[in-house]
């Protein structure tokens, strides 16, 4: 897997950065939050198939024909990272927009994983042949900004065409940096837990009252296994995304400089009480036989362990509520959802995962305007409602949520309400806005491998493991910052 540990460079220009994106870490980035796994597959990794394979050269420009503008007709390209059912849904949206909009045609193309899509886009900008819209995962935000390859969305969409007060603050806040919204939120998610209602009832647990705390998950798991209902209590992919969510819930920024939003991050906070709370509980679950470890970023394996009854509880993404409901039905049980369990004490909220839509620099005026029209159309309540109800990704518009509430959707589909309630309860802070750093994927790998070292007892206890994560992550930050400063 590519990483961010290439030879340090004293200074790198933006043009040099575009040409060496993978060296700086983009090629090593995996999608995170929200892999759908199973039913609706994304080739990203978000909550879908993990992006752990070797870089497959996603920066090669395979489409040599520049979209044309003839007369009043403008054709633009939309590069995205979703395959399977989600990819087909995006193709449908692009076709519908083209059919409904005079003078604009959108050609949607799946460009591989999130990292490959970012690589391909920055290379295309450098070659002078960019798409008009590109889907980039949330942890690629700092890399995208550092590349200089994109134009902030506020410069694309006229202020009189959009009311940002009608958008979910928790979603906008991740992509708004120094007061500027850099990209249009599209597929936004956070982490929730799913549980098998029938297994709970069989074990004598209340099927309508799932656990809310770390200790509660351990206790429920012990009951499930003692009653012979499941092999182990719970599972979730060994993915740093969950750790990041638990940092936010404890109001602990992941990195310094207000989570990288007041300046470049130089320090990481794994030698903190929040980190100790998380990893002490996580390793204890494993040692007591209550955590099924599916592997690093093993979204599909975790999902299947839950759906086949090996565990009664699953940590996953809100993006997969719809396919998870179908998967549970096919396996003969009723699905329940619960908010992310936390240590004892106050909840502060979660941070956003998924991806957003960026507009590359260097577009002609007609293509810039066409990209703005397409993004406005995608964010309309009608499209947002369809996107949300068919996946589980959040609508980015308050209006879409309000309409669904008035239509009774959440009364009929309470599993979707769990995610919305969790999002609305999030308090705005540097911790819940999410971290910004260039070597994010490298840091995630360090965290995930750090957990493995703790449970394998390689002479590494939790405290020593957290110190190692801290040291290695700060070295990655230092290396990256030397390259771009």
Protein backbone atom coordinates (compact mmCIF):
# COMPACT_ATOMS: atom_id res chain seq x y z
CA UNK A 1 0.00 0.00 0.00
CA UNK A 2 1.30 3.45 -0.85
CA UNK A 3 2.02 5.75 2.04
CA UNK A 4 3.25 9.22 2.82
CA UNK A 5 6.81 8.30 3.65
CA UNK A 6 8.61 9.24 0.44
CA UNK A 7 11.85 11.23 0.47
CA UNK A 8 11.36 14.54 2.27
CA UNK A 9 11.35 17.59 0.01
CA UNK A 10 12.23 21.04 1.26
CA UNK A 11 9.56 22.74 -0.83
CA UNK A 12 7.01 21.53 -3.37
CA UNK A 13 5.12 23.82 -5.70
CA UNK A 14 1.42 23.21 -6.33
CA UNK A 15 2.19 21.99 -9.84
CA UNK A 16 4.75 19.55 -8.44
CA UNK A 17 2.19 18.43 -5.87
CA UNK A 18 -0.31 17.66 -8.63
CA UNK A 19 2.21 15.46 -10.37
CA UNK A 20 3.25 13.60 -7.23
CA UNK A 21 -0.06 13.14 -5.47
CA UNK A 22 0.45 9.47 -4.71
CA UNK A 23 3.90 10.18 -3.24
CA UNK A 24 2.25 12.57 -0.82
CA UNK A 25 -0.31 10.04 0.22
CA UNK A 26 -3.36 10.19 -2.03
CA UNK A 27 -2.65 6.81 -3.56
CA UNK A 28 -2.50 5.32 -0.11
CA UNK A 29 -5.81 6.74 1.00
CA UNK A 30 -8.79 4.50 1.41
CA UNK A 31 -12.38 5.53 1.51
CA UNK A 32 -13.66 5.36 4.93
CA UNK A 33 -16.78 6.07 6.42
CA UNK A 34 -19.56 4.26 5.17
CA UNK A 35 -18.75 1.21 3.12
CA UNK A 36 -21.92 -0.38 2.15
CA UNK A 37 -20.51 -3.82 1.67
CA UNK A 38 -22.86 -6.50 0.42
CA UNK A 39 -26.12 -5.19 -0.96
CA UNK A 40 -25.11 -1.85 -2.42
CA UNK A 41 -21.48 -1.96 -3.29
CA UNK A 42 -19.21 1.00 -3.70
CA UNK A 43 -15.73 0.41 -4.95
CA UNK A 44 -14.54 3.09 -2.59
CA UNK A 45 -14.13 1.77 0.83
CA UNK A 46 -16.20 4.04 2.78
CA UNK A 47 -18.64 1.52 4.10
CA UNK A 48 -18.29 -0.45 1.09
CA UNK A 49 -15.49 -2.58 -0.21
CA UNK A 50 -12.28 -1.62 1.51
CA UNK A 51 -9.68 0.20 -0.53
CA UNK A 52 -6.73 -1.75 0.71
CA UNK A 53 -5.37 -3.01 -2.59
CA UNK A 54 -2.26 -1.71 -4.31
CA UNK A 55 -2.57 1.49 -6.30
CA UNK A 56 -3.85 0.53 -9.70
CA UNK A 57 -2.74 3.58 -11.60
CA UNK A 58 -5.91 5.57 -11.23
CA UNK A 59 -4.08 8.69 -12.31
CA UNK A 60 -3.95 7.60 -15.94
CA UNK A 61 -6.22 9.66 -18.17
CA UNK A 62 -8.28 7.13 -20.09
CA UNK A 63 -10.78 9.58 -21.57
CA UNK A 64 -8.91 11.66 -24.09
CA UNK A 65 -11.89 13.42 -25.68
CA UNK A 66 -12.50 16.84 -24.17
CA UNK A 67 -16.21 17.40 -23.45
CA UNK A 68 -17.53 19.70 -26.10
CA UNK A 69 -19.57 22.86 -26.10
CA UNK A 70 -21.40 23.22 -29.41
CA UNK A 71 -23.84 26.05 -29.79
CA UNK A 72 -25.93 26.08 -26.63
CA UNK A 73 -25.11 22.46 -25.71
CA UNK A 74 -22.52 21.85 -22.98
CA UNK A 75 -21.34 18.35 -22.07
CA UNK A 76 -19.54 17.85 -18.76
CA UNK A 77 -17.97 14.86 -17.09
CA UNK A 78 -18.73 13.69 -13.56
CA UNK A 79 -16.15 11.30 -12.10
CA UNK A 80 -17.22 9.27 -9.09
CA UNK A 81 -16.04 6.34 -6.99
CA UNK A 82 -19.17 4.25 -6.62
CA UNK A 83 -19.91 0.90 -8.21
CA UNK A 84 -22.74 -1.59 -8.01
CA UNK A 85 -26.22 -0.33 -7.17
CA UNK A 86 -24.95 3.06 -6.01
CA UNK A 87 -23.02 3.57 -9.23
CA UNK A 88 -26.13 2.77 -11.25
CA UNK A 89 -28.12 5.21 -9.13
CA UNK A 90 -25.60 7.95 -9.89
CA UNK A 91 -25.81 7.14 -13.60
CA UNK A 92 -29.60 7.46 -13.36
CA UNK A 93 -29.33 10.84 -11.65
CA UNK A 94 -26.94 12.12 -14.31
CA UNK A 95 -29.27 10.93 -17.07
CA UNK A 96 -32.33 12.47 -15.44
CA UNK A 97 -30.59 15.82 -15.03
CA UNK A 98 -29.50 15.76 -18.65
CA UNK A 99 -33.03 14.95 -19.82
CA UNK A 100 -34.57 17.69 -17.69
CA UNK A 101 -32.04 20.44 -18.38
CA UNK A 102 -31.85 22.21 -21.72
CA UNK A 103 -28.36 22.64 -23.02
CA UNK A 104 -26.44 20.49 -20.50
CA UNK A 105 -25.46 16.83 -20.66
CA UNK A 106 -23.69 15.07 -17.79
CA UNK A 107 -21.58 12.01 -18.52
CA UNK A 108 -21.04 10.05 -15.29
CA UNK A 109 -18.01 7.75 -15.11
CA UNK A 110 -16.90 5.48 -12.28
CA UNK A 111 -13.15 6.04 -11.94
CA UNK A 112 -12.29 3.34 -9.41
CA UNK A 113 -11.75 3.86 -5.71
CA UNK A 114 -11.86 7.19 -3.93
CA UNK A 115 -8.08 7.49 -4.03
CA UNK A 116 -7.99 6.60 -7.73
CA UNK A 117 -10.66 9.18 -8.49
CA UNK A 118 -8.66 11.88 -6.70
CA UNK A 119 -5.46 10.81 -8.45
CA UNK A 120 -7.16 10.79 -11.84
CA UNK A 121 -8.71 14.21 -11.27
CA UNK A 122 -5.55 15.99 -10.14
CA UNK A 123 -3.65 14.46 -13.07
CA UNK A 124 -6.37 15.58 -15.47
CA UNK A 125 -6.17 19.13 -14.10
CA UNK A 126 -2.44 19.12 -14.70
CA UNK A 127 -3.01 17.84 -18.25
CA UNK A 128 -5.57 20.58 -18.89
CA UNK A 129 -8.43 18.14 -19.38
CA UNK A 130 -10.30 17.87 -16.04
CA UNK A 131 -13.81 16.60 -15.40
CA UNK A 132 -16.30 19.25 -14.30
CA UNK A 133 -17.23 17.44 -11.07
CA UNK A 134 -15.28 14.89 -9.03
CA UNK A 135 -16.32 12.90 -5.96
CA UNK A 136 -13.61 12.97 -3.28
CA UNK A 137 -13.69 11.27 0.10
CA UNK A 138 -13.68 13.34 3.25
CA UNK A 139 -10.16 12.46 4.34
CA UNK A 140 -8.86 13.69 0.99
CA UNK A 141 -9.96 17.24 1.82
CA UNK A 142 -6.55 18.54 2.91
CA UNK A 143 -4.87 16.84 -0.04
CA UNK A 144 -7.38 18.35 -2.45
CA UNK A 145 -6.81 21.83 -1.02
CA UNK A 146 -3.02 21.43 -1.05
CA UNK A 147 -3.09 20.32 -4.67
CA UNK A 148 -4.49 23.67 -5.80
CA UNK A 149 -6.50 21.72 -8.35
CA UNK A 150 -9.98 22.80 -7.28
CA UNK A 151 -12.15 25.91 -7.11
CA UNK A 152 -14.19 26.45 -3.91
CA UNK A 153 -17.85 25.72 -4.47
CA UNK A 154 -18.81 29.21 -3.30
CA UNK A 155 -17.03 30.56 -6.38
CA UNK A 156 -18.99 28.20 -8.63
CA UNK A 157 -22.56 28.72 -7.40
CA UNK A 158 -23.81 32.35 -7.26
CA UNK A 159 -24.88 33.42 -3.76
CA UNK A 160 -28.35 34.33 -4.99
CA UNK A 161 -28.90 30.74 -6.19
CA UNK A 162 -28.32 28.96 -2.89
CA UNK A 163 -29.32 29.33 0.75
CA UNK A 164 -26.78 27.53 2.91
CA UNK A 165 -29.00 28.04 5.96
CA UNK A 166 -31.18 25.32 4.45
CA UNK A 167 -28.33 22.79 4.61
CA UNK A 168 -27.42 20.60 7.57
CA UNK A 169 -24.75 22.41 9.58
CA UNK A 170 -23.03 19.22 10.67
CA UNK A 171 -22.55 18.25 7.04
CA UNK A 172 -21.39 21.65 5.80
CA UNK A 173 -19.02 22.18 8.71
CA UNK A 174 -16.64 19.44 7.64
CA UNK A 175 -16.01 20.99 4.24
CA UNK A 176 -16.12 24.65 5.33
CA UNK A 177 -12.59 25.77 6.18
CA UNK A 178 -11.63 29.32 7.14
CA UNK A 179 -15.20 30.33 6.33
CA UNK A 180 -15.09 28.94 2.79
CA UNK A 181 -17.11 25.95 1.58
CA UNK A 182 -14.74 24.02 -0.65
CA UNK A 183 -17.05 21.33 -1.98
CA UNK A 184 -20.70 20.32 -2.12
CA UNK A 185 -21.58 17.58 0.40
CA UNK A 186 -23.09 14.59 -1.38
CA UNK A 187 -22.78 11.19 0.27
CA UNK A 188 -22.38 12.00 3.95
CA UNK A 189 -22.57 9.43 6.72
CA UNK A 190 -21.47 8.69 10.25
CA UNK A 191 -21.21 5.56 12.37
CA UNK A 192 -24.10 3.83 14.11
CA UNK A 193 -24.56 0.34 15.51
CA UNK A 194 -27.00 -2.25 14.17
CA UNK A 195 -28.44 -5.08 16.24
CA UNK A 196 -30.45 -8.25 15.72
CA UNK A 197 -33.80 -7.67 17.44
CA UNK A 198 -34.77 -11.31 17.32
CA UNK A 199 -31.47 -12.42 18.85
CA UNK A 200 -31.91 -9.87 21.63
CA UNK A 201 -35.38 -11.19 22.41
CA UNK A 202 -34.21 -14.81 22.32
CA UNK A 203 -31.44 -13.99 24.80
CA UNK A 204 -33.87 -12.26 27.16
CA UNK A 205 -32.76 -8.73 26.28
CA UNK A 206 -35.19 -5.93 25.51
CA UNK A 207 -35.45 -5.81 21.72
CA UNK A 208 -36.53 -2.16 21.85
CA UNK A 209 -33.86 -0.98 24.31
CA UNK A 210 -30.37 -1.55 22.89
CA UNK A 211 -27.24 -0.55 24.85
CA UNK A 212 -25.97 3.03 24.68
CA UNK A 213 -22.59 2.76 26.43
CA UNK A 214 -19.35 0.80 26.11
CA UNK A 215 -20.20 -1.21 29.22
CA UNK A 216 -23.69 -1.83 27.89
CA UNK A 217 -22.35 -3.36 24.67
CA UNK A 218 -20.06 -5.65 26.67
CA UNK A 219 -22.91 -6.72 28.95
CA UNK A 220 -25.34 -7.34 26.08
CA UNK A 221 -22.70 -9.35 24.26
CA UNK A 222 -22.06 -11.52 27.30
CA UNK A 223 -25.79 -12.26 27.54
CA UNK A 224 -26.00 -13.12 23.83
CA UNK A 225 -23.10 -15.57 24.06
CA UNK A 226 -24.07 -17.07 27.43
CA UNK A 227 -27.54 -17.84 26.04
CA UNK A 228 -26.00 -19.42 22.95
CA UNK A 229 -27.62 -16.92 20.59
CA UNK A 230 -24.36 -15.68 19.04
CA UNK A 231 -20.72 -16.75 18.89
CA UNK A 232 -19.53 -13.31 19.93
CA UNK A 233 -21.32 -10.18 21.04
CA UNK A 234 -20.25 -7.63 18.47
CA UNK A 235 -18.10 -6.80 15.48
CA UNK A 236 -17.10 -3.85 13.36
CA UNK A 237 -14.32 -3.37 10.85
CA UNK A 238 -10.95 -2.58 12.36
CA UNK A 239 -11.10 0.88 10.87
CA UNK A 240 -9.79 4.12 12.35
CA UNK A 241 -13.01 5.84 11.26
CA UNK A 242 -14.77 4.43 14.33
CA UNK A 243 -11.96 5.66 16.57
CA UNK A 244 -12.34 9.12 15.05
CA UNK A 245 -16.07 9.05 15.79
CA UNK A 246 -15.40 8.09 19.42
CA UNK A 247 -12.88 10.91 19.74
CA UNK A 248 -15.57 13.35 18.58
CA UNK A 249 -18.15 11.94 21.01
CA UNK A 250 -15.71 12.69 23.84
CA UNK A 251 -15.05 16.20 22.48
CA UNK A 252 -11.42 15.29 21.90
CA UNK A 253 -9.84 16.68 18.69
CA UNK A 254 -7.81 14.07 16.85
CA UNK A 255 -4.98 16.51 16.11
CA UNK A 256 -3.83 19.91 17.36
CA UNK A 257 -4.48 23.31 15.77
CA UNK A 258 -8.22 22.93 16.42
CA UNK A 259 -8.24 19.59 14.62
CA UNK A 260 -6.11 20.98 11.82
CA UNK A 261 -8.53 23.79 11.04
CA UNK A 262 -6.59 26.68 12.56
CA UNK A 263 -3.28 25.63 11.01
CA UNK A 264 -1.43 22.56 9.84
CA UNK A 265 -1.65 19.70 12.32
CA UNK A 266 1.70 18.78 13.87
CA UNK A 267 0.61 16.70 16.87
CA UNK A 268 -1.91 13.89 17.36
CA UNK A 269 -3.81 13.09 20.54
CA UNK A 270 -3.53 9.34 21.07
CA UNK A 271 -1.90 9.74 24.46
CA UNK A 272 -5.18 11.15 25.77
CA UNK A 273 -7.88 9.95 28.13
CA UNK A 274 -10.28 9.63 25.18
CA UNK A 275 -7.92 7.29 23.32
CA UNK A 276 -7.34 5.23 26.46
CA UNK A 277 -11.10 4.89 27.00
CA UNK A 278 -11.58 3.58 23.47
CA UNK A 279 -8.69 1.14 23.23
CA UNK A 280 -8.99 -0.20 26.78
CA UNK A 281 -12.62 -1.10 26.05
CA UNK A 282 -11.89 -2.43 22.57
CA UNK A 283 -9.06 -4.69 23.72
CA UNK A 284 -11.11 -5.83 26.72
CA UNK A 285 -13.97 -6.83 24.41
CA UNK A 286 -11.54 -8.95 22.41
CA UNK A 287 -9.93 -10.54 25.46
CA UNK A 288 -13.33 -11.49 26.86
CA UNK A 289 -14.33 -13.10 23.56
CA UNK A 290 -16.95 -10.46 22.81
CA UNK A 291 -15.38 -8.76 19.78
CA UNK A 292 -15.09 -10.64 16.51
CA UNK A 293 -12.10 -9.11 14.74
CA UNK A 294 -12.90 -9.30 10.99
CA UNK A 295 -9.59 -7.74 9.95
CA UNK A 296 -8.30 -4.32 8.99
CA UNK A 297 -10.96 -2.36 7.10
CA UNK A 298 -12.85 -5.63 6.57
CA UNK A 299 -16.28 -4.15 5.95
CA UNK A 300 -17.72 -7.10 4.05
CA UNK A 301 -16.48 -9.66 6.58
CA UNK A 302 -17.98 -7.73 9.50
CA UNK A 303 -21.28 -7.34 7.71
CA UNK A 304 -21.51 -11.04 6.88
CA UNK A 305 -20.63 -12.08 10.43
CA UNK A 306 -23.58 -10.06 11.66
CA UNK A 307 -26.06 -11.05 8.97
CA UNK A 308 -25.29 -14.76 9.43
CA UNK A 309 -25.83 -14.58 13.20
CA UNK A 310 -22.24 -14.93 14.38
CA UNK A 311 -22.68 -11.68 16.30
CA UNK A 312 -25.76 -9.90 17.57
CA UNK A 313 -24.38 -6.36 17.23
CA UNK A 314 -22.55 -4.62 14.37
CA UNK A 315 -20.77 -1.29 14.10
CA UNK A 316 -21.17 0.07 10.60
CA UNK A 317 -22.14 3.17 8.62
CA UNK A 318 -25.41 5.03 8.27
CA UNK A 319 -24.88 4.76 4.52
CA UNK A 320 -25.98 1.13 4.57
CA UNK A 321 -29.29 1.28 6.42
CA UNK A 322 -31.37 0.34 3.37
CA UNK A 323 -29.26 -2.63 2.19
CA UNK A 324 -28.72 -3.82 5.77
CA UNK A 325 -32.47 -3.91 6.33
CA UNK A 326 -32.87 -6.06 3.22
CA UNK A 327 -29.96 -8.28 4.27
CA UNK A 328 -31.50 -8.87 7.69
CA UNK A 329 -34.85 -9.73 6.10
CA UNK A 330 -33.21 -12.23 3.76
CA UNK A 331 -31.55 -13.86 6.78
CA UNK A 332 -34.79 -14.09 8.73
CA UNK A 333 -34.49 -11.45 11.43
CA UNK A 334 -35.60 -7.90 12.15
CA UNK A 335 -32.96 -5.21 12.11
CA UNK A 336 -32.61 -2.55 14.78
CA UNK A 337 -30.33 0.46 14.92
CA UNK A 338 -28.83 2.34 17.84
CA UNK A 339 -26.66 5.38 18.22
CA UNK A 340 -22.92 4.93 18.52
CA UNK A 341 -22.20 3.57 22.02
CA UNK A 342 -19.97 5.84 24.10
CA UNK A 343 -18.13 5.79 27.44
CA UNK A 344 -20.16 6.84 30.42
CA UNK A 345 -20.83 10.58 30.34
CA UNK A 346 -21.97 13.30 28.01
CA UNK A 347 -22.36 12.78 24.28
CA UNK A 348 -20.95 15.50 22.04
CA UNK A 349 -21.71 14.12 18.60
CA UNK A 350 -20.06 12.44 15.67
CA UNK A 351 -18.13 13.63 12.65
CA UNK A 352 -18.96 13.23 8.98
CA UNK A 353 -17.69 10.49 6.70
CA UNK A 354 -18.32 9.74 3.06
CA UNK A 355 -17.50 12.16 0.25
CA UNK A 356 -18.32 15.46 -1.39
CA UNK A 357 -18.33 16.90 -4.90
CA UNK A 358 -15.46 19.15 -6.01
CA UNK A 359 -15.13 21.33 -9.09
CA UNK A 360 -11.65 21.29 -10.66
CA UNK A 361 -9.91 24.47 -11.70
CA UNK A 362 -9.28 25.33 -15.32
CA UNK A 363 -12.82 24.84 -16.63
CA UNK A 364 -14.31 27.07 -19.29
CA UNK A 365 -17.08 29.40 -18.15
CA UNK A 366 -19.86 27.27 -19.74
CA UNK A 367 -18.57 24.15 -17.99
CA UNK A 368 -18.25 25.92 -14.64
CA UNK A 369 -21.81 27.15 -14.94
CA UNK A 370 -23.03 23.69 -16.01
CA UNK A 371 -21.25 22.12 -13.02
CA UNK A 372 -22.99 24.61 -10.71
CA UNK A 373 -26.38 23.78 -12.18
CA UNK A 374 -25.78 20.06 -11.74
CA UNK A 375 -24.72 20.47 -8.11
CA UNK A 376 -27.74 22.64 -7.35
CA UNK A 377 -30.03 20.03 -8.92
CA UNK A 378 -28.43 17.17 -6.95
CA UNK A 379 -28.98 19.04 -3.70
CA UNK A 380 -32.67 19.69 -4.32
CA UNK A 381 -34.96 17.99 -1.78
CA UNK A 382 -36.44 15.59 -4.35
CA UNK A 383 -33.04 14.13 -5.24
CA UNK A 384 -31.83 14.20 -1.64
CA UNK A 385 -34.89 12.31 -0.40
CA UNK A 386 -34.39 9.57 -2.99
CA UNK A 387 -30.68 9.32 -2.22
CA UNK A 388 -31.33 9.08 1.53
CA UNK A 389 -34.20 6.59 1.46
CA UNK A 390 -32.48 4.25 -0.98
CA UNK A 391 -29.15 4.17 0.85
CA UNK A 392 -28.97 5.70 4.33
CA UNK A 393 -26.63 8.55 3.44
CA UNK A 394 -27.87 11.78 4.98
CA UNK A 395 -29.86 14.30 2.98
CA UNK A 396 -27.76 17.46 2.94
CA UNK A 397 -30.85 19.69 3.07
CA UNK A 398 -32.96 20.41 6.15
CA UNK A 399 -35.92 20.77 3.83
CA UNK A 400 -35.56 17.18 2.66
CA UNK A 401 -35.55 15.91 6.25
CA UNK A 402 -38.59 18.02 7.14
CA UNK A 403 -40.51 16.72 4.14
CA UNK A 404 -39.72 13.13 5.02
CA UNK A 405 -40.85 13.75 8.59
CA UNK A 406 -44.16 15.23 7.45
CA UNK A 407 -44.65 12.34 5.03
CA UNK A 408 -44.25 9.87 7.89
CA UNK A 409 -41.12 8.23 6.46
CA UNK A 410 -39.28 8.08 9.79
CA UNK A 411 -42.33 6.77 11.62
CA UNK A 412 -42.47 3.89 9.15
CA UNK A 413 -38.68 3.49 9.01
CA UNK A 414 -37.34 4.16 12.53
CA UNK A 415 -33.91 2.77 11.67
CA UNK A 416 -33.32 5.83 9.50
CA UNK A 417 -34.34 8.14 12.34
CA UNK A 418 -31.49 6.88 14.53
CA UNK A 419 -28.92 8.39 12.20
CA UNK A 420 -30.79 11.69 11.82
CA UNK A 421 -31.25 12.04 15.60
CA UNK A 422 -27.56 11.36 16.16
CA UNK A 423 -26.60 13.96 13.57
CA UNK A 424 -28.95 16.60 14.95
CA UNK A 425 -27.67 16.05 18.49
CA UNK A 426 -24.10 16.80 17.41
CA UNK A 427 -22.69 19.95 18.99
CA UNK A 428 -20.48 22.04 16.72
CA UNK A 429 -16.85 22.00 17.90
CA UNK A 430 -13.40 21.41 16.43
CA UNK A 431 -13.73 17.78 17.55
CA UNK A 432 -17.04 17.14 15.77
CA UNK A 433 -16.06 19.08 12.64
CA UNK A 434 -13.52 16.37 11.99
CA UNK A 435 -9.77 16.41 11.52
CA UNK A 436 -7.82 17.82 8.58
CA UNK A 437 -4.37 16.48 7.75
CA UNK A 438 -2.52 15.51 4.62
CA UNK A 439 -1.35 12.00 5.58
CA UNK A 440 -4.78 10.95 6.88
CA UNK A 441 -4.71 7.54 5.22
CA UNK A 442 -1.25 6.84 6.55
CA UNK A 443 -2.42 7.73 10.05
CA UNK A 444 -5.44 5.46 9.70
CA UNK A 445 -3.21 2.56 8.81
CA UNK A 446 -1.01 3.29 11.84
CA UNK A 447 -4.08 3.27 14.11
CA UNK A 448 -5.47 0.04 12.68
CA UNK A 449 -2.14 -1.80 12.86
CA UNK A 450 -1.68 -0.39 16.36
CA UNK A 451 -4.84 -2.13 17.55
CA UNK A 452 -3.66 -5.43 16.07
CA UNK A 453 -0.39 -5.15 17.99
CA UNK A 454 -2.32 -4.64 21.24
CA UNK A 455 -4.54 -7.71 20.91
CA UNK A 456 -1.74 -9.93 19.59
CA UNK A 457 0.22 -9.20 22.76
CA UNK A 458 3.45 -8.36 20.91
CA UNK A 459 4.75 -6.99 24.20
CA UNK A 460 2.48 -4.02 23.53
CA UNK A 461 -0.15 -3.04 26.08
CA UNK A 462 -2.67 -0.28 25.50
CA UNK A 463 -0.48 2.50 26.87
CA UNK A 464 2.58 1.45 24.90
CA UNK A 465 0.45 0.92 21.80
CA UNK A 466 -1.04 4.41 22.04
CA UNK A 467 2.40 5.94 22.48
CA UNK A 468 3.56 4.09 19.36
CA UNK A 469 0.55 5.33 17.38
CA UNK A 470 1.26 8.85 18.58
CA UNK A 471 4.94 8.73 17.61
CA UNK A 472 4.41 7.18 14.18
CA UNK A 473 1.52 9.48 13.31
CA UNK A 474 3.44 12.60 14.26
CA UNK A 475 6.33 11.45 12.10
CA UNK A 476 3.91 11.06 9.18
CA UNK A 477 2.59 14.57 9.81
CA UNK A 478 6.10 15.97 9.93
CA UNK A 479 7.08 14.28 6.67
CA UNK A 480 4.00 15.52 4.86
CA UNK A 481 4.27 19.06 6.18
CA UNK A 482 7.89 19.27 5.05
CA UNK A 483 6.79 18.44 1.52
CA UNK A 484 4.09 21.05 1.19
CA UNK A 485 5.48 23.96 3.22
